[in-house]
Protein backbone atom coordinates (compact mmCIF):
# COMPACT_ATOMS: atom_id res chain seq x y z
CA MET A 1 -4.16 -49.49 36.45
CA SER A 2 -8.04 -49.70 36.61
CA PHE A 3 -8.46 -47.82 33.73
CA SER A 4 -6.43 -49.71 31.42
CA ARG A 5 -8.00 -53.32 33.13
CA ARG A 6 -11.91 -51.61 31.89
CA THR A 7 -10.82 -50.41 28.61
CA LEU A 8 -8.97 -53.66 27.63
CA LEU A 9 -11.68 -55.99 29.21
CA GLY A 10 -14.45 -54.30 27.20
CA ALA A 11 -11.99 -54.10 24.29
CA ALA A 12 -11.99 -57.96 24.55
CA ALA A 13 -15.87 -58.30 23.72
CA ALA A 14 -15.53 -55.74 20.28
CA ALA A 15 -15.87 -56.96 16.97
CA PRO A 16 -12.51 -58.51 15.68
CA VAL A 17 -9.67 -57.23 13.91
CA VAL A 18 -10.40 -55.87 10.73
CA VAL A 19 -7.26 -55.61 8.35
CA GLY A 20 -6.80 -53.93 5.07
CA THR A 21 -5.99 -54.97 1.69
CA ALA A 22 -2.83 -53.60 1.87
CA GLY A 23 -2.04 -55.20 5.31
CA GLU A 24 -2.85 -52.20 7.73
CA ALA A 25 -4.32 -52.53 10.82
CA SER A 26 -7.40 -50.75 10.89
CA ALA A 27 -8.56 -47.89 13.17
CA SER A 28 -10.34 -50.40 16.04
CA SER A 29 -7.39 -52.99 16.13
CA THR A 30 -4.29 -49.74 16.38
CA ARG A 31 -6.94 -48.83 19.14
CA LEU A 32 -6.52 -52.18 20.90
CA PHE A 33 -2.90 -52.66 19.91
CA ARG A 34 -2.28 -48.83 21.77
CA GLU A 35 -4.27 -50.01 24.91
CA SER A 36 -2.53 -53.24 25.10
CA LEU A 37 0.82 -51.49 25.03
CA ASP A 38 -0.22 -48.89 27.95
CA TYR A 39 -1.40 -51.68 29.83
CA ALA A 40 2.31 -53.43 29.37
CA LEU A 41 3.64 -49.89 30.35
CA GLY A 42 1.39 -49.85 33.41
CA LYS A 43 2.41 -52.82 34.43
CA LEU A 44 5.87 -52.13 34.39
CA ARG A 45 5.55 -49.09 36.40
CA GLN A 46 3.87 -50.75 39.00
CA VAL A 47 6.02 -53.66 39.61
CA ALA A 48 9.52 -52.69 38.34
CA PRO A 49 10.43 -50.62 41.88
CA ASN A 50 10.34 -53.80 43.90
CA VAL A 51 12.27 -55.88 41.21
CA THR A 52 15.77 -56.38 41.85
CA SER A 53 16.71 -59.80 40.28
CA PHE A 54 15.76 -61.08 36.56
CA PRO A 55 12.40 -62.31 36.62
CA GLU A 56 11.86 -65.67 35.10
CA GLU A 57 8.43 -67.00 35.32
CA THR A 58 5.39 -66.45 37.22
CA LYS A 59 3.99 -68.51 40.18
CA PHE A 60 1.09 -67.66 41.66
CA GLU A 61 0.70 -64.53 39.15
CA LYS A 62 3.99 -63.39 41.05
CA TRP A 63 7.19 -63.37 39.34
CA ILE A 64 10.04 -65.71 40.52
CA TYR A 65 13.46 -64.98 39.91
CA VAL A 66 16.77 -66.18 38.53
CA ASN A 67 19.54 -64.10 40.17
CA SER A 68 22.42 -64.65 37.73
CA GLY A 69 19.89 -64.13 34.62
CA GLY A 70 19.99 -67.41 33.59
CA TRP A 71 19.24 -67.07 30.04
CA VAL A 72 16.29 -65.05 30.22
CA GLY A 73 17.79 -62.02 32.11
CA GLY A 74 18.21 -59.47 28.90
CA PHE A 75 14.20 -59.18 28.73
CA TRP A 76 13.78 -57.45 31.89
CA PRO A 77 15.95 -54.68 30.93
CA GLY A 78 15.06 -55.23 27.29
CA MET A 79 11.12 -54.43 28.08
CA HIS A 80 12.24 -51.35 29.77
CA TRP A 81 13.92 -50.07 27.11
CA LEU A 82 10.90 -50.75 25.07
CA ALA A 83 8.93 -48.91 27.35
CA PHE A 84 11.27 -45.85 27.39
CA LEU A 85 11.26 -45.66 23.36
CA ASP A 86 7.31 -45.56 23.58
CA SER A 87 7.00 -43.21 26.31
CA GLY A 88 10.38 -41.33 26.99
CA ASP A 89 9.90 -41.81 30.43
CA GLU A 90 13.23 -41.42 32.14
CA GLN A 91 12.40 -43.53 34.76
CA PHE A 92 11.82 -46.28 32.48
CA LYS A 93 15.54 -45.80 31.24
CA LYS A 94 16.77 -45.92 34.89
CA TRP A 95 15.42 -48.90 35.72
CA ALA A 96 16.56 -50.59 32.31
CA VAL A 97 20.15 -49.44 32.81
CA GLU A 98 20.40 -50.74 36.76
CA SER A 99 19.01 -54.06 35.41
CA ALA A 100 21.22 -54.35 32.60
CA LEU A 101 24.22 -53.27 34.29
CA ARG A 102 23.74 -56.30 36.45
CA LEU A 103 24.50 -58.60 33.50
CA SER A 104 27.88 -57.40 33.44
CA PRO A 105 29.75 -60.36 34.43
CA ARG A 106 27.82 -62.67 31.96
CA ARG A 107 30.15 -60.85 29.31
CA THR A 108 32.72 -63.66 29.93
CA ASP A 109 30.43 -66.34 30.19
CA THR A 110 31.37 -69.14 27.78
CA SER A 111 29.20 -71.84 29.38
CA ILE A 112 25.86 -71.00 27.66
CA HIS A 113 24.77 -70.41 23.76
CA ASP A 114 22.53 -67.62 25.16
CA LEU A 115 24.67 -64.72 24.96
CA GLY A 116 22.23 -63.21 22.09
CA PHE A 117 19.35 -63.32 24.79
CA LEU A 118 21.33 -62.01 27.35
CA PHE A 119 23.11 -58.97 25.38
CA TYR A 120 20.91 -58.07 22.34
CA PRO A 121 17.57 -56.67 24.19
CA SER A 122 19.56 -54.80 26.85
CA TRP A 123 22.91 -54.03 25.86
CA VAL A 124 22.85 -53.91 22.09
CA THR A 125 19.74 -51.64 22.14
CA ALA A 126 20.93 -49.49 25.07
CA TYR A 127 23.55 -48.36 22.78
CA ARG A 128 21.28 -47.81 20.07
CA LEU A 129 19.33 -45.54 21.87
CA THR A 130 21.98 -44.18 24.13
CA GLY A 131 25.05 -44.10 21.48
CA ASP A 132 27.49 -44.90 24.97
CA VAL A 133 30.49 -47.16 23.61
CA SER A 134 30.85 -49.11 26.59
CA TRP A 135 26.82 -50.96 26.04
CA ARG A 136 28.89 -51.62 22.22
CA ASP A 137 31.85 -53.09 23.92
CA GLY A 138 30.13 -54.86 26.51
CA ALA A 139 28.28 -56.52 23.80
CA VAL A 140 30.91 -57.47 21.55
CA GLN A 141 33.03 -59.13 24.28
CA ALA A 142 29.67 -61.03 24.95
CA ALA A 143 29.83 -62.23 21.09
CA SER A 144 33.94 -62.97 21.84
CA SER A 145 32.99 -65.57 24.19
CA LEU A 146 29.73 -66.92 22.29
CA ILE A 147 31.90 -67.96 19.18
CA GLN A 148 33.77 -69.90 21.49
CA ARG A 149 31.42 -72.67 21.54
CA TYR A 150 31.60 -72.93 17.79
CA ASN A 151 32.10 -76.55 16.99
CA ASP A 152 34.03 -76.34 13.25
CA LYS A 153 33.69 -80.19 12.58
CA GLY A 154 30.05 -79.39 12.46
CA ARG A 155 29.73 -75.99 11.55
CA PHE A 156 27.60 -75.55 14.41
CA ILE A 157 27.44 -73.46 17.93
CA ARG A 158 27.24 -75.84 20.84
CA ALA A 159 23.87 -75.37 22.85
CA TRP A 160 24.61 -76.75 26.22
CA GLY A 161 26.96 -77.72 28.82
CA ALA A 162 30.43 -75.78 29.85
CA LEU A 163 33.04 -76.00 27.45
CA GLY A 164 35.45 -79.00 27.58
CA THR A 165 33.16 -81.24 29.02
CA PRO A 166 31.43 -84.10 27.02
CA ASN A 167 27.98 -84.02 28.11
CA ASN A 168 25.89 -82.16 25.27
CA ALA A 169 29.20 -81.39 23.35
CA GLY A 170 27.08 -82.45 19.95
CA ARG A 171 24.37 -80.63 20.75
CA ALA A 172 22.61 -77.92 18.50
CA ILE A 173 19.15 -76.45 19.00
CA MET A 174 16.73 -74.05 17.05
CA ASP A 175 16.72 -71.41 20.08
CA THR A 176 20.28 -70.48 18.69
CA MET A 177 19.32 -68.85 15.82
CA MET A 178 17.70 -66.14 18.08
CA ASN A 179 21.72 -65.17 19.31
CA LEU A 180 23.30 -65.02 15.93
CA ASP A 181 22.04 -61.21 15.79
CA LEU A 182 24.39 -60.29 18.51
CA LEU A 183 27.17 -61.89 15.68
CA THR A 184 26.30 -59.72 13.10
CA PHE A 185 26.23 -56.92 15.28
CA ALA A 186 29.95 -57.76 16.35
CA SER A 187 31.02 -57.71 12.84
CA GLU A 188 29.27 -54.62 11.77
CA GLN A 189 30.78 -52.56 14.81
CA THR A 190 34.44 -54.25 14.53
CA GLY A 191 35.03 -55.06 10.79
CA ASP A 192 35.95 -58.54 11.61
CA SER A 193 34.21 -60.64 9.74
CA LYS A 194 34.58 -64.05 11.83
CA TYR A 195 31.70 -63.36 13.81
CA LEU A 196 29.40 -62.73 11.21
CA ASP A 197 31.10 -66.27 8.98
CA ILE A 198 30.29 -68.17 12.10
CA ALA A 199 26.81 -66.88 12.19
CA VAL A 200 25.89 -67.72 8.72
CA ALA A 201 27.85 -71.12 9.22
CA HIS A 202 25.29 -71.88 12.09
CA SER A 203 22.44 -70.90 10.20
CA LEU A 204 23.32 -73.06 6.98
CA THR A 205 23.91 -75.99 9.23
CA THR A 206 20.36 -75.40 10.84
CA ARG A 207 18.84 -74.80 7.60
CA THR A 208 20.25 -77.89 5.76
CA LYS A 209 20.03 -80.60 9.09
CA PHE A 210 16.53 -79.03 11.09
CA ILE A 211 14.39 -78.14 8.42
CA ARG A 212 12.08 -81.13 7.55
CA PRO A 213 10.60 -81.26 3.84
CA ASP A 214 7.20 -79.87 4.98
CA GLY A 215 8.82 -77.24 6.95
CA SER A 216 8.27 -78.71 10.57
CA THR A 217 11.62 -78.78 12.76
CA PRO A 218 12.76 -80.71 15.84
CA HIS A 219 14.19 -79.02 18.97
CA VAL A 220 17.40 -80.40 18.83
CA PHE A 221 19.84 -81.96 16.37
CA ASP A 222 22.55 -84.36 17.51
CA PHE A 223 26.42 -84.36 16.18
CA ASN A 224 29.29 -86.54 16.59
CA PRO A 225 31.13 -83.16 18.75
CA ASP A 226 34.79 -85.02 17.43
CA THR A 227 33.85 -85.81 13.99
CA GLY A 228 30.80 -83.62 13.30
CA GLU A 229 29.31 -86.17 11.83
CA ASP A 230 25.11 -86.27 12.24
CA ILE A 231 23.11 -88.38 14.94
CA GLY A 232 20.31 -87.16 14.33
CA PRO A 233 16.91 -85.24 15.70
CA ASN A 234 16.07 -85.23 19.03
CA THR A 235 14.15 -83.12 21.56
CA ASN A 236 14.23 -81.36 24.95
CA GLN A 237 11.32 -79.27 25.13
CA GLY A 238 9.13 -80.79 22.14
CA TYR A 239 6.91 -83.56 22.85
CA SER A 240 9.43 -86.22 20.78
CA PRO A 241 12.48 -85.76 18.16
CA THR A 242 9.66 -86.10 15.45
CA SER A 243 7.20 -83.48 16.44
CA CYS A 244 7.37 -79.57 16.30
CA TRP A 245 7.94 -77.57 19.28
CA SER A 246 5.45 -74.19 18.60
CA ARG A 247 8.08 -71.92 20.19
CA GLY A 248 11.24 -73.52 18.71
CA GLN A 249 9.27 -73.33 15.12
CA ALA A 250 8.78 -69.39 16.30
CA TRP A 251 12.54 -69.17 17.11
CA GLY A 252 13.36 -70.27 13.72
CA ILE A 253 10.95 -68.23 11.65
CA TYR A 254 12.62 -64.70 13.57
CA GLY A 255 15.70 -66.25 13.42
CA PHE A 256 16.18 -67.16 9.62
CA THR A 257 14.42 -63.90 8.78
CA THR A 258 16.99 -61.70 10.62
CA MET A 259 19.97 -63.77 9.11
CA TYR A 260 18.06 -63.25 5.85
CA ARG A 261 17.93 -59.45 6.30
CA ARG A 262 21.49 -59.33 7.64
CA THR A 263 23.07 -61.11 4.52
CA ARG A 264 20.48 -61.36 2.17
CA LYS A 265 21.35 -65.10 1.37
CA ARG A 266 18.53 -66.61 -0.30
CA GLU A 267 18.02 -69.38 1.36
CA PHE A 268 17.63 -67.94 5.06
CA LEU A 269 14.83 -66.23 3.47
CA ASP A 270 13.49 -69.41 1.91
CA ALA A 271 14.16 -71.28 5.32
CA ALA A 272 11.79 -68.56 7.05
CA ARG A 273 8.87 -69.25 4.68
CA LYS A 274 8.86 -72.79 4.91
CA LEU A 275 8.63 -72.19 8.43
CA ALA A 276 6.34 -69.70 8.77
CA ASP A 277 4.11 -71.70 6.00
CA PHE A 278 3.98 -74.88 8.40
CA ALA A 279 3.18 -72.85 11.36
CA LEU A 280 0.45 -71.02 9.98
CA ASP A 281 -1.15 -74.04 8.66
CA ALA A 282 -0.77 -75.63 11.95
CA LEU A 283 -2.04 -72.95 13.85
CA THR A 284 -5.61 -73.43 15.26
CA PRO A 285 -8.59 -70.82 14.83
CA ASP A 286 -8.10 -68.99 17.94
CA HIS A 287 -4.64 -67.82 16.46
CA ILE A 288 -2.62 -69.00 19.57
CA PRO A 289 -0.04 -72.01 19.22
CA VAL A 290 -0.50 -75.23 20.84
CA TRP A 291 2.62 -75.62 22.78
CA ASP A 292 4.00 -78.70 20.29
CA TYR A 293 2.07 -78.53 17.05
CA ARG A 294 2.11 -82.49 17.00
CA SER A 295 1.54 -83.23 20.74
CA PRO A 296 -1.40 -86.04 20.86
CA LEU A 297 -3.52 -83.38 21.96
CA ALA A 298 -2.84 -80.82 19.81
CA PRO A 299 -4.65 -78.37 18.63
CA ASN A 300 -6.49 -79.08 21.95
CA ASP A 301 -3.48 -79.05 24.24
CA VAL A 302 -2.33 -76.36 26.06
CA LYS A 303 -1.00 -73.13 24.38
CA ASP A 304 1.71 -70.92 24.53
CA SER A 305 1.41 -67.41 24.38
CA SER A 306 5.27 -66.33 23.80
CA ALA A 307 5.46 -68.47 20.86
CA GLY A 308 2.63 -66.69 19.37
CA ALA A 309 4.38 -63.26 20.54
CA ILE A 310 7.60 -64.56 18.99
CA MET A 311 5.88 -65.59 15.67
CA ALA A 312 4.11 -62.52 15.23
CA CYS A 313 7.34 -60.34 15.37
CA GLY A 314 9.20 -62.91 12.77
CA LEU A 315 6.09 -63.00 10.33
CA LEU A 316 5.98 -58.59 10.66
CA ASP A 317 9.29 -58.57 9.49
CA LEU A 318 9.21 -61.75 6.88
CA ALA A 319 6.26 -59.85 5.31
CA ALA A 320 8.39 -56.39 5.12
CA VAL A 321 11.57 -58.46 3.78
CA SER A 322 9.53 -60.48 1.01
CA GLY A 323 7.15 -58.22 0.10
CA ARG A 324 4.11 -60.92 1.19
CA ILE A 325 1.55 -59.34 2.77
CA GLY A 326 0.02 -62.46 4.04
CA TYR A 327 2.51 -62.91 6.59
CA ARG A 328 1.93 -59.58 8.08
CA ILE A 329 -2.38 -60.28 8.05
CA ALA A 330 -1.35 -63.00 9.87
CA ALA A 331 0.91 -61.67 12.34
CA LEU A 332 -1.87 -59.07 12.98
CA ARG A 333 -4.29 -61.66 13.78
CA ILE A 334 -2.40 -63.19 16.31
CA LEU A 335 -1.16 -60.12 17.81
CA GLU A 336 -5.04 -59.33 17.96
CA ALA A 337 -5.55 -62.42 19.64
CA LEU A 338 -2.98 -62.08 22.47
CA CYS A 339 -4.48 -58.65 23.12
CA ARG A 340 -8.03 -60.10 23.61
CA THR A 341 -7.82 -63.09 25.33
CA CYS A 342 -4.00 -63.69 26.87
CA LEU A 343 -3.32 -60.41 28.32
CA THR A 344 -3.53 -60.70 32.60
CA THR A 345 -6.42 -58.04 32.51
CA ARG A 346 -8.42 -60.11 35.22
CA SER A 347 -5.99 -60.07 38.07
CA GLU A 348 -5.16 -56.72 39.78
CA ARG A 349 -2.38 -58.53 41.55
CA HIS A 350 -0.59 -60.24 38.45
CA GLU A 351 2.72 -58.84 38.14
CA ALA A 352 3.24 -60.22 33.85
CA VAL A 353 1.79 -58.92 30.82
CA LEU A 354 0.67 -62.10 29.03
CA ALA A 355 -0.87 -65.00 30.59
CA ARG A 356 -1.06 -68.68 29.34
CA GLY A 357 2.54 -69.46 28.38
CA THR A 358 4.31 -72.44 28.69
CA ARG A 359 7.41 -72.98 29.75
CA ASN A 360 8.24 -76.71 29.39
CA ARG A 361 5.37 -79.19 28.89
CA ARG A 362 7.36 -82.20 28.21
CA ILE A 363 8.72 -82.19 31.69
CA GLU A 364 5.48 -80.23 33.41
CA VAL A 365 7.41 -77.35 34.39
CA GLY A 366 6.06 -73.73 33.66
CA ILE A 367 2.48 -74.71 32.57
CA GLU A 368 -0.34 -71.87 32.41
CA VAL A 369 2.21 -69.53 33.55
CA SER A 370 3.84 -65.76 32.51
CA LEU A 371 7.33 -65.87 30.77
CA PRO A 372 9.60 -62.45 30.50
CA TYR A 373 9.94 -63.42 26.57
CA GLY A 374 6.36 -63.63 26.23
CA ASP A 375 6.21 -60.39 27.54
CA TYR A 376 9.25 -58.64 25.72
CA TYR A 377 8.22 -60.10 22.20
CA PHE A 378 4.90 -59.35 22.74
CA MET A 379 5.65 -55.24 23.32
CA GLU A 380 8.02 -55.85 20.62
CA ALA A 381 5.10 -56.73 18.28
CA LEU A 382 3.25 -54.07 19.41
CA LEU A 383 5.94 -51.72 18.49
CA ARG A 384 6.54 -52.91 15.29
CA VAL A 385 2.85 -52.12 14.17
CA LEU A 386 2.50 -48.83 16.35
CA LYS A 387 6.06 -46.97 16.02
CA PRO A 388 7.84 -49.30 13.42
CA ARG A 389 10.71 -46.22 12.70
CA GLU A 390 11.30 -46.50 16.26
CA ILE A 391 11.93 -49.93 17.05
CA SER A 392 13.59 -50.11 13.81
CA ARG A 393 16.36 -47.90 15.03
CA ALA A 394 16.39 -49.46 18.67
CA ILE A 395 16.70 -52.99 17.37
CA GLY A 396 18.75 -52.81 13.92
CA LEU A 397 15.79 -53.67 11.75
């Protein structure tokens, strides 16, 4: 760990990244990205032997856990699959398998919308990397659980609350855009269009109800669950119903781009571009998103490195599918900023990779912490640049 730490601290003082006119990373930035990914792999090797549950966030630089996996359980095995993809080290594969299997009971969980977060980085990636059909079959089973949350009156997937309960029955949230690729995978593998049809319907509803004329979005939109009629925008993790929570905006950029890639429906590409353009206009000169772009303290409020990592992934994909190099250049600048200003290199005892994450500023939970999804999407973004062919095979680009 000490070599990577010295190298990266030195790199942090080096000249800024230089991006070529074709959007390629310079030799110096490629070296920085490689060193940062090596740092992430080294951190996993150091920490994983003592992890028997699912990291949720850090407290005093150490992971705290959620035994069921909560909504974040897929990211820990996902990180190990990415580490195995990069290194070929069978130990990472062993850790990935062990932790992914601990999610088995969640395949039939109909109480949450987060089954894509749980099973895509863990089980779908496992299937793509190993060819073991048990991973595929488990992921399809999870997709079958997820579609039970679809409300055909409002044409949305219910975000929160157990089925049959009234609280939150009409709530849709931006995050669900990230769970839809589990459904497209299920249709691809089974030949049954019902999964894809629901993914498309939910995406169309999100595009219509969430995206404001300026490209910003609320976190939540409420419907009457019995009639499907609009109630209106709201929030849970953003500053207000009229603000723009940066991680939700990043989920939307990534999710709409993915849905365009799966369906080639132009409206999804247009939605991704609109969200991306707003976020890039709101980005501060340090290229790390503030937790809510419309916080009264923005641009000087606390940051969210996880929003930056997710946004970098989405922008790299958006550049690829749209042919617009500007999105790739922006993604590389965000990724460079994460490498230079957000790594945990100043603390040998830190168990995570990215610092400066914000879980829920609105209720003052998880401020300036590390988050497993921040680490996961940071690694994914680095691999999208360093090993595009390999990561494409793993996550289905």
